[in-house]
Protein backbone atom coordinates (compact mmCIF):
# COMPACT_ATOMS: atom_id res chain seq x y z
CA MET A 1 14.81 -13.31 2.15
CA ALA A 2 11.98 -10.53 2.50
CA LEU A 3 14.53 -8.08 4.02
CA ALA A 4 16.73 -8.93 0.78
CA LEU A 5 14.17 -8.56 -1.68
CA PHE A 6 12.98 -5.10 -0.32
CA ALA A 7 16.73 -3.94 -0.12
CA CYS A 8 16.79 -4.96 -3.89
CA LEU A 9 14.10 -2.93 -4.85
CA LEU A 10 15.51 0.45 -3.11
CA PHE A 11 18.64 -0.12 -5.04
CA TRP A 12 17.41 -0.37 -8.60
CA GLY A 13 15.76 3.49 -8.48
CA ASP A 14 13.53 4.06 -11.27
CA LEU A 15 13.32 0.32 -12.49
CA LYS A 16 10.07 -1.25 -10.36
CA ALA A 17 7.81 -3.91 -11.03
CA GLN A 18 4.23 -2.70 -11.48
CA GLY A 19 1.10 -4.10 -11.73
CA GLY A 20 -2.22 -3.69 -13.81
CA SER A 21 -2.01 -2.28 -17.27
CA THR A 22 1.25 -0.32 -16.66
CA PRO A 23 4.79 -1.74 -17.89
CA PRO A 24 6.19 -4.10 -15.39
CA PHE A 25 9.42 -2.41 -15.78
CA THR A 26 10.99 0.93 -16.95
CA VAL A 27 14.79 1.43 -18.23
CA ASP A 28 16.70 3.69 -15.64
CA ARG A 29 18.16 6.23 -18.28
CA ALA A 30 21.36 7.07 -16.00
CA ASN A 31 22.01 3.02 -15.51
CA PRO A 32 20.34 0.64 -18.26
CA ALA A 33 22.70 -2.05 -17.30
CA GLN A 34 21.01 -2.09 -13.68
CA SER A 35 17.77 -1.98 -15.31
CA ALA A 36 18.83 -5.43 -17.26
CA ARG A 37 19.79 -7.02 -14.23
CA TRP A 38 16.56 -6.73 -12.28
CA VAL A 39 14.76 -7.40 -15.47
CA SER A 40 16.82 -10.81 -16.20
CA TYR A 41 15.64 -11.35 -12.24
CA LEU A 42 12.03 -10.85 -13.03
CA ILE A 43 12.44 -13.22 -16.20
CA ASP A 44 13.72 -16.28 -13.52
CA ARG A 45 11.15 -15.39 -11.07
CA HIS A 46 8.43 -16.17 -13.65
CA GLY A 47 9.33 -18.82 -15.68
CA PRO A 48 7.92 -20.89 -18.80
CA LEU A 49 5.82 -22.90 -16.88
CA ALA A 50 4.46 -20.06 -15.05
CA THR A 51 0.30 -19.99 -14.61
CA GLY A 52 -2.38 -17.40 -13.45
CA PRO A 53 -1.08 -14.10 -12.28
CA ASP A 54 2.76 -15.21 -12.82
CA ARG A 55 1.98 -16.19 -16.46
CA ALA A 56 -0.09 -12.67 -16.83
CA PHE A 57 3.22 -11.21 -15.46
CA ARG A 58 5.58 -13.07 -17.62
CA GLU A 59 3.46 -11.93 -20.78
CA SER A 60 3.57 -8.12 -19.89
CA ILE A 61 7.40 -8.57 -19.54
CA ALA A 62 7.66 -10.10 -22.88
CA ASP A 63 5.11 -7.26 -24.51
CA THR A 64 7.33 -4.55 -23.09
CA LEU A 65 10.52 -6.40 -24.13
CA ASP A 66 8.71 -6.61 -27.73
CA GLN A 67 8.32 -2.65 -27.95
CA LEU A 68 11.66 -2.06 -27.35
CA CYS A 69 13.28 -4.57 -29.59
CA GLY A 70 10.89 -4.35 -32.41
CA VAL A 71 10.91 -1.84 -35.33
CA GLN A 72 8.10 -1.29 -37.90
CA SER A 73 8.66 -2.88 -41.36
CA ASN A 74 9.44 0.13 -42.96
CA ALA A 75 11.87 1.49 -40.53
CA VAL A 76 15.70 1.59 -40.99
CA PHE A 77 16.20 2.54 -37.30
CA ASN A 78 17.68 -0.38 -35.55
CA PRO A 79 16.78 -0.39 -31.51
CA LEU A 80 20.14 -1.30 -30.38
CA LEU A 81 21.18 2.41 -31.71
CA ASP A 82 18.55 3.99 -29.28
CA PRO A 83 20.59 5.86 -26.41
CA VAL A 84 18.67 4.47 -23.93
CA SER A 85 17.05 0.96 -25.07
CA GLY A 86 20.19 0.17 -26.92
CA PRO A 87 22.67 -0.07 -23.82
CA PHE A 88 19.75 -1.85 -21.90
CA LEU A 89 18.94 -4.66 -24.41
CA ALA A 90 22.75 -5.21 -25.03
CA ALA A 91 23.26 -5.83 -21.31
CA LEU A 92 20.22 -8.15 -20.91
CA PHE A 93 21.09 -10.00 -23.95
CA ARG A 94 24.71 -10.43 -22.20
CA ILE A 95 23.40 -11.12 -19.04
CA ARG A 96 20.73 -13.82 -20.50
CA MET A 97 22.98 -15.32 -23.04
CA LEU A 98 25.42 -16.04 -20.42
CA GLU A 99 22.80 -17.37 -18.23
CA GLY A 100 21.83 -19.99 -20.96
CA LEU A 101 25.60 -21.11 -21.45
CA ARG A 102 25.94 -21.01 -17.43
CA ARG A 103 22.91 -23.54 -17.24
CA LEU A 104 24.26 -25.83 -20.38
CA SER A 105 27.47 -26.22 -18.71
CA LEU A 106 26.09 -27.16 -15.29
CA ASP A 107 22.99 -28.90 -16.07
CA PRO A 108 23.56 -32.88 -15.97
CA PRO A 109 22.24 -34.73 -19.16
CA PRO A 110 18.55 -35.61 -18.10
CA ALA A 111 17.92 -39.60 -17.56
CA THR A 112 15.07 -39.18 -19.78
CA GLY A 113 13.46 -36.73 -22.38
CA VAL A 114 15.45 -33.70 -23.42
CA ASN A 115 16.34 -30.03 -21.95
CA VAL A 116 15.46 -27.25 -24.34
CA TYR A 117 17.57 -24.17 -24.00
CA LYS A 118 16.52 -21.05 -25.83
CA LEU A 119 19.19 -18.72 -26.92
CA TYR A 120 18.95 -15.78 -29.52
CA SER A 121 16.24 -15.33 -32.25
CA SER A 122 15.70 -18.74 -33.61
CA CYS A 123 18.32 -20.64 -31.52
CA PHE A 124 17.67 -23.74 -29.49
CA VAL A 125 20.09 -26.38 -27.71
CA VAL A 126 18.31 -29.68 -27.27
CA ARG A 127 20.27 -32.09 -24.58
CA ASP A 128 19.33 -35.72 -23.86
CA ALA A 129 21.48 -38.31 -22.23
CA GLN A 130 23.62 -38.80 -24.95
CA ARG A 131 24.31 -35.62 -26.89
CA THR A 132 23.88 -31.87 -27.10
CA VAL A 133 22.32 -30.56 -30.50
CA GLY A 134 22.12 -26.89 -31.91
CA PHE A 135 20.09 -25.47 -34.27
CA ASP A 136 20.15 -21.90 -35.87
CA PHE A 137 22.40 -19.85 -33.56
CA ALA A 138 23.03 -16.34 -34.33
CA GLU A 139 24.78 -13.58 -32.27
CA GLY A 140 23.06 -10.91 -33.41
CA PRO A 141 23.47 -7.65 -35.51
CA PHE A 142 25.81 -6.07 -32.51
CA VAL A 143 29.11 -5.41 -34.45
CA LEU A 144 26.89 -3.33 -36.96
CA ALA A 145 25.32 -1.58 -33.83
CA GLY A 146 28.95 -1.32 -32.19
CA LEU A 147 27.82 -3.04 -29.13
CA ASN A 148 30.36 -5.58 -27.81
CA THR A 149 27.30 -7.95 -25.84
CA ILE A 150 29.02 -11.30 -25.78
CA PRO A 151 32.59 -12.02 -25.40
CA LEU A 152 33.90 -14.05 -28.36
CA THR A 153 35.21 -16.46 -26.06
CA PHE A 154 31.23 -17.40 -25.58
CA LEU A 155 31.10 -19.00 -28.98
CA SER A 156 33.93 -20.97 -28.15
CA ASP A 157 32.17 -22.41 -24.78
CA LEU A 158 29.21 -22.88 -26.93
CA ALA A 159 30.91 -25.09 -29.34
CA ASP A 160 32.53 -26.98 -26.61
CA GLN A 161 28.84 -27.69 -25.43
CA LEU A 162 27.47 -28.80 -28.58
CA ASP A 163 28.20 -32.24 -30.37
CA VAL A 164 26.27 -31.42 -33.46
CA LEU A 165 25.22 -27.92 -35.07
CA PHE A 166 22.16 -27.86 -37.59
CA VAL A 167 21.75 -24.56 -39.76
CA SER A 168 18.41 -24.19 -41.44
CA HIS A 169 19.07 -21.41 -44.07
CA VAL A 170 21.61 -18.62 -44.92
CA HIS A 171 19.81 -15.49 -43.07
CA ALA A 172 22.02 -13.80 -40.70
CA ASP A 173 19.78 -14.08 -37.77
CA HIS A 174 19.64 -17.96 -38.21
CA LEU A 175 23.40 -18.29 -38.90
CA SER A 176 26.55 -17.79 -37.21
CA VAL A 177 29.75 -18.28 -39.32
CA PHE A 178 32.09 -17.84 -36.01
CA LEU A 179 30.18 -20.67 -34.52
CA MET A 180 30.38 -22.94 -37.50
CA ALA A 181 34.08 -22.43 -37.59
CA GLU A 182 34.49 -23.11 -33.73
CA MET A 183 32.69 -26.22 -34.44
CA VAL A 184 34.71 -27.46 -37.20
CA ALA A 185 38.07 -26.51 -35.75
CA ARG A 186 36.73 -29.12 -33.20
CA GLY A 187 36.09 -31.69 -36.10
CA LYS A 188 32.20 -31.63 -34.80
CA PRO A 189 29.68 -32.10 -37.66
CA VAL A 190 27.74 -28.96 -39.17
CA LEU A 191 25.05 -29.86 -41.01
CA ALA A 192 23.95 -27.27 -43.59
CA PRO A 193 22.13 -26.56 -47.08
CA GLN A 194 24.67 -26.74 -49.78
CA GLU A 195 23.82 -22.99 -50.76
CA ILE A 196 25.16 -21.94 -47.46
CA ILE A 197 28.52 -23.86 -48.22
CA ASN A 198 28.56 -22.26 -51.47
CA VAL A 199 28.09 -18.96 -49.97
CA LEU A 200 30.87 -19.50 -47.26
CA GLN A 201 33.46 -20.75 -49.65
CA GLY A 202 32.61 -17.75 -52.17
CA ASN A 203 33.52 -15.52 -49.50
CA GLY A 204 37.12 -17.12 -48.66
CA TYR A 205 35.82 -19.31 -45.85
CA LEU A 206 37.76 -22.69 -46.98
CA TRP A 207 36.97 -24.57 -43.96
CA ALA A 208 33.45 -24.59 -45.00
CA SER A 209 34.06 -27.69 -47.25
CA ALA A 210 34.13 -29.66 -43.78
CA VAL A 211 30.46 -28.65 -43.39
CA GLN A 212 28.09 -31.65 -44.15
CA PRO A 213 25.81 -30.62 -46.84
CA THR A 214 22.02 -32.40 -46.58
CA VAL A 215 20.07 -34.80 -48.29
CA GLY A 216 16.33 -34.05 -48.28
CA GLY A 217 13.61 -36.76 -48.65
CA VAL A 218 12.49 -39.47 -46.14
CA THR A 219 15.91 -41.57 -46.19
CA PRO A 220 17.92 -40.18 -43.09
CA GLN A 221 21.29 -39.27 -42.74
CA SER A 222 23.70 -39.53 -39.80
CA ALA A 223 25.32 -36.30 -38.10
CA GLY A 224 27.61 -37.29 -35.19
CA GLY A 225 26.10 -40.53 -34.62
CA LEU A 226 22.39 -39.08 -34.74
CA THR A 227 20.06 -40.06 -37.25
CA THR A 228 18.23 -36.96 -38.99
CA TRP A 229 15.63 -36.47 -41.64
CA VAL A 230 15.75 -33.19 -43.89
CA PHE A 231 13.12 -31.40 -45.73
CA GLU A 232 14.65 -28.96 -48.25
CA GLY A 233 12.06 -26.28 -49.05
CA ARG A 234 12.37 -22.58 -49.42
CA GLN A 235 11.32 -19.75 -47.34
CA TRP A 236 8.80 -17.85 -49.35
CA PRO A 237 9.01 -20.32 -52.29
CA GLY A 238 8.19 -19.05 -55.48
CA VAL A 239 10.30 -16.07 -54.94
CA SER A 240 13.54 -16.49 -57.14
CA ALA A 241 16.84 -16.75 -55.23
CA GLY A 242 19.22 -16.72 -57.96
CA GLY A 243 22.01 -19.06 -58.71
CA GLY A 244 23.68 -21.86 -56.94
CA LYS A 245 26.26 -19.27 -55.50
CA LEU A 246 24.39 -16.58 -53.45
CA PRO A 247 25.57 -13.33 -51.98
CA PRO A 248 25.54 -13.55 -48.23
CA MET A 249 22.09 -12.02 -47.74
CA PRO A 250 20.28 -13.49 -50.33
CA GLY A 251 16.54 -12.22 -51.17
CA PHE A 252 13.56 -13.73 -49.81
CA ALA A 253 13.64 -17.32 -50.80
CA PRO A 254 16.78 -19.13 -49.55
CA ILE A 255 16.79 -22.96 -49.25
CA ASN A 256 15.76 -23.50 -46.01
CA ASN A 257 16.27 -26.95 -44.17
CA VAL A 258 13.53 -28.57 -41.86
CA TYR A 259 15.13 -31.08 -39.51
CA ALA A 260 13.90 -34.12 -37.83
CA MET A 261 15.35 -36.47 -35.05
CA ARG A 262 14.70 -38.56 -31.95
CA MET A 263 16.36 -37.60 -29.00
CA GLY A 264 15.18 -39.04 -25.29
CA GLY A 265 12.41 -40.72 -26.38
CA LEU A 266 10.89 -37.90 -28.44
CA ASN A 267 10.66 -36.85 -32.09
CA ILE A 268 12.03 -33.55 -32.39
CA VAL A 269 11.55 -31.06 -35.67
CA HIS A 270 12.88 -27.73 -36.08
CA PHE A 271 11.80 -25.67 -38.87
CA GLY A 272 14.08 -22.83 -39.08
CA ASP A 273 11.78 -20.39 -41.17
CA ASN A 274 10.19 -22.93 -43.66
CA ASN A 275 7.05 -21.75 -44.93
CA ASP A 276 7.18 -24.12 -48.14
CA VAL A 277 3.79 -26.03 -47.74
CA GLY A 278 5.75 -29.05 -49.45
CA VAL A 279 6.99 -29.56 -45.81
CA LEU A 280 3.22 -31.18 -45.01
CA PRO A 281 3.05 -34.13 -47.27
CA TRP A 282 6.73 -34.68 -45.92
CA LEU A 283 5.34 -34.93 -42.17
CA ASN A 284 3.00 -37.10 -42.96
CA SER A 285 5.75 -39.34 -44.88
CA LEU A 286 7.60 -39.35 -41.58
CA ALA A 287 4.79 -40.14 -39.38
CA ALA A 288 4.37 -43.36 -41.37
CA ILE A 289 7.49 -44.59 -40.32
CA GLY A 290 7.09 -43.48 -36.66
CA MET A 291 8.39 -40.32 -36.67
CA LYS A 292 5.35 -38.15 -35.90
CA PRO A 293 6.56 -35.00 -33.93
CA ASP A 294 6.27 -34.63 -30.29
CA LEU A 295 8.10 -31.22 -30.01
CA ILE A 296 8.23 -28.90 -32.46
CA LEU A 297 10.77 -25.77 -32.44
CA MET A 298 10.59 -22.75 -34.39
CA VAL A 299 7.17 -22.92 -36.17
CA GLY A 300 6.16 -19.63 -38.03
CA TYR A 301 3.57 -19.03 -40.78
CA LEU A 302 2.68 -22.26 -41.46
CA ALA A 303 2.01 -23.04 -37.45
CA PRO A 304 -1.89 -23.87 -37.97
CA GLN A 305 -1.54 -26.18 -40.82
CA ILE A 306 1.46 -27.89 -39.01
CA HIS A 307 -0.62 -28.46 -35.84
CA ALA A 308 -3.38 -29.79 -37.70
CA VAL A 309 -1.36 -32.44 -39.39
CA THR A 310 1.18 -33.23 -36.48
CA GLN A 311 -1.23 -32.49 -33.21
CA ALA A 312 2.06 -32.23 -31.67
CA PRO A 313 1.81 -31.97 -27.56
CA LEU A 314 4.33 -29.07 -27.38
CA THR A 315 5.52 -26.44 -29.61
CA LEU A 316 8.14 -23.46 -28.96
CA LEU A 317 7.93 -20.32 -30.96
CA GLY A 318 11.07 -18.54 -32.20
CA HIS A 319 12.03 -14.69 -33.51
CA GLU A 320 10.91 -13.38 -30.01
CA TYR A 321 12.89 -10.12 -29.18
CA GLU A 322 15.09 -10.08 -32.45
CA PHE A 323 16.30 -6.87 -32.79
CA GLY A 324 15.06 -4.66 -35.74
CA HIS A 325 12.82 -7.72 -37.08
CA ALA A 326 9.62 -6.41 -38.30
CA VAL A 327 8.10 -9.64 -36.81
CA GLY A 328 8.88 -10.61 -33.19
CA ALA A 329 5.97 -10.72 -30.91
CA GLY A 330 6.06 -13.94 -29.22
CA PHE A 331 3.08 -14.11 -26.87
CA ALA A 332 0.89 -12.30 -29.59
CA PHE A 333 1.68 -15.56 -31.91
CA LEU A 334 0.01 -17.85 -29.44
CA ALA A 335 -3.23 -16.80 -30.57
CA MET A 336 -2.43 -17.29 -34.24
CA PRO A 337 -5.43 -17.84 -36.11
CA PRO A 338 -7.19 -20.08 -37.49
CA GLN A 339 -6.14 -22.85 -35.06
CA PRO A 340 -4.70 -21.37 -31.93
CA ASP A 341 -2.53 -23.83 -30.34
CA PRO A 342 -2.50 -23.51 -26.20
CA LEU A 343 0.54 -25.73 -25.79
CA ARG A 344 2.76 -22.84 -27.70
CA ARG A 345 5.07 -21.67 -25.37
CA VAL A 346 7.49 -18.53 -25.46
CA LEU A 347 10.90 -18.95 -23.65
CA PHE A 348 12.96 -16.05 -22.92
CA TRP A 349 16.90 -15.86 -24.08
CA GLY A 350 18.91 -18.21 -21.49
CA GLU A 351 15.53 -20.09 -20.53
CA SER A 352 15.15 -23.87 -20.44
CA LEU A 353 12.59 -26.13 -20.03
CA HIS A 354 12.77 -29.97 -19.44
CA VAL A 355 10.50 -32.12 -22.10
CA ALA A 356 9.62 -35.35 -21.03
CA PRO A 357 8.11 -38.42 -23.32
């Protein structure tokens, strides 16, 4: 094993794991795809439950990827268009997304608890003994960048794996029209705000009539046999989002659903990009009927308040390593003031984590 690892290190040339304050890897300008394969190996060697020096090295990988993926809020340059980091990130994305799909395909359903898989940006897939549920999948802005990073068959294979798909809001980093269409073509339930259905139908996607509109409140609705509670808030409430029929990329304040459900003996809540404070009394209402969250997915600006209200044992962040997004530093958010949550965790693309009741 040691000999094989030594040979691997020689093979990768300029890309070397490093220690101290130096970056844990550099991108080989002559062969960025090789660099991507090595970084994927490093990610798998330092998993989400890493502690001590392993966790510190994992954080250094994340910090380096943050620098490559992110752009300043006033910038118009997408990192995927960079002649070196663009091909590297595209290759790494493809490797890690296919790794996530591979794990979904091969992992047996857990006998208890849930397996949580992280895909791009804000997408999580949650599997228990009965079903597999997807939240907010997006394939990224690769067509605009001219980068073919994942084959179209990926979306078909992912739709085969999922039993239900939940979409929080209409923004392109949370929504895949193609995956929604694949789910509908298989007769599988897709739940989304009416706002999204209006957008799709307004753009000629007649199949969107099969998407199930959500109903907010403390009265649950059923999707594929799964009982689900929905809070219909807004991202950036108070900013006008226009009428019922919105353009494909509305402004700051689309309807943003929060979904709550019970899977594998755990109460699970996915927030999308909700930062509507109305969600806090809704969470209290759920707690009163025995739905106090055990696992929170994709929590953003309200994380401290939500943690204070729910005291959820585990929170998984979202938006890490999102191309061109002004906010993407996953590990930096672990120290979010004023109430840092030590049990928030960061998952890389393609990683998975078992969560027990």
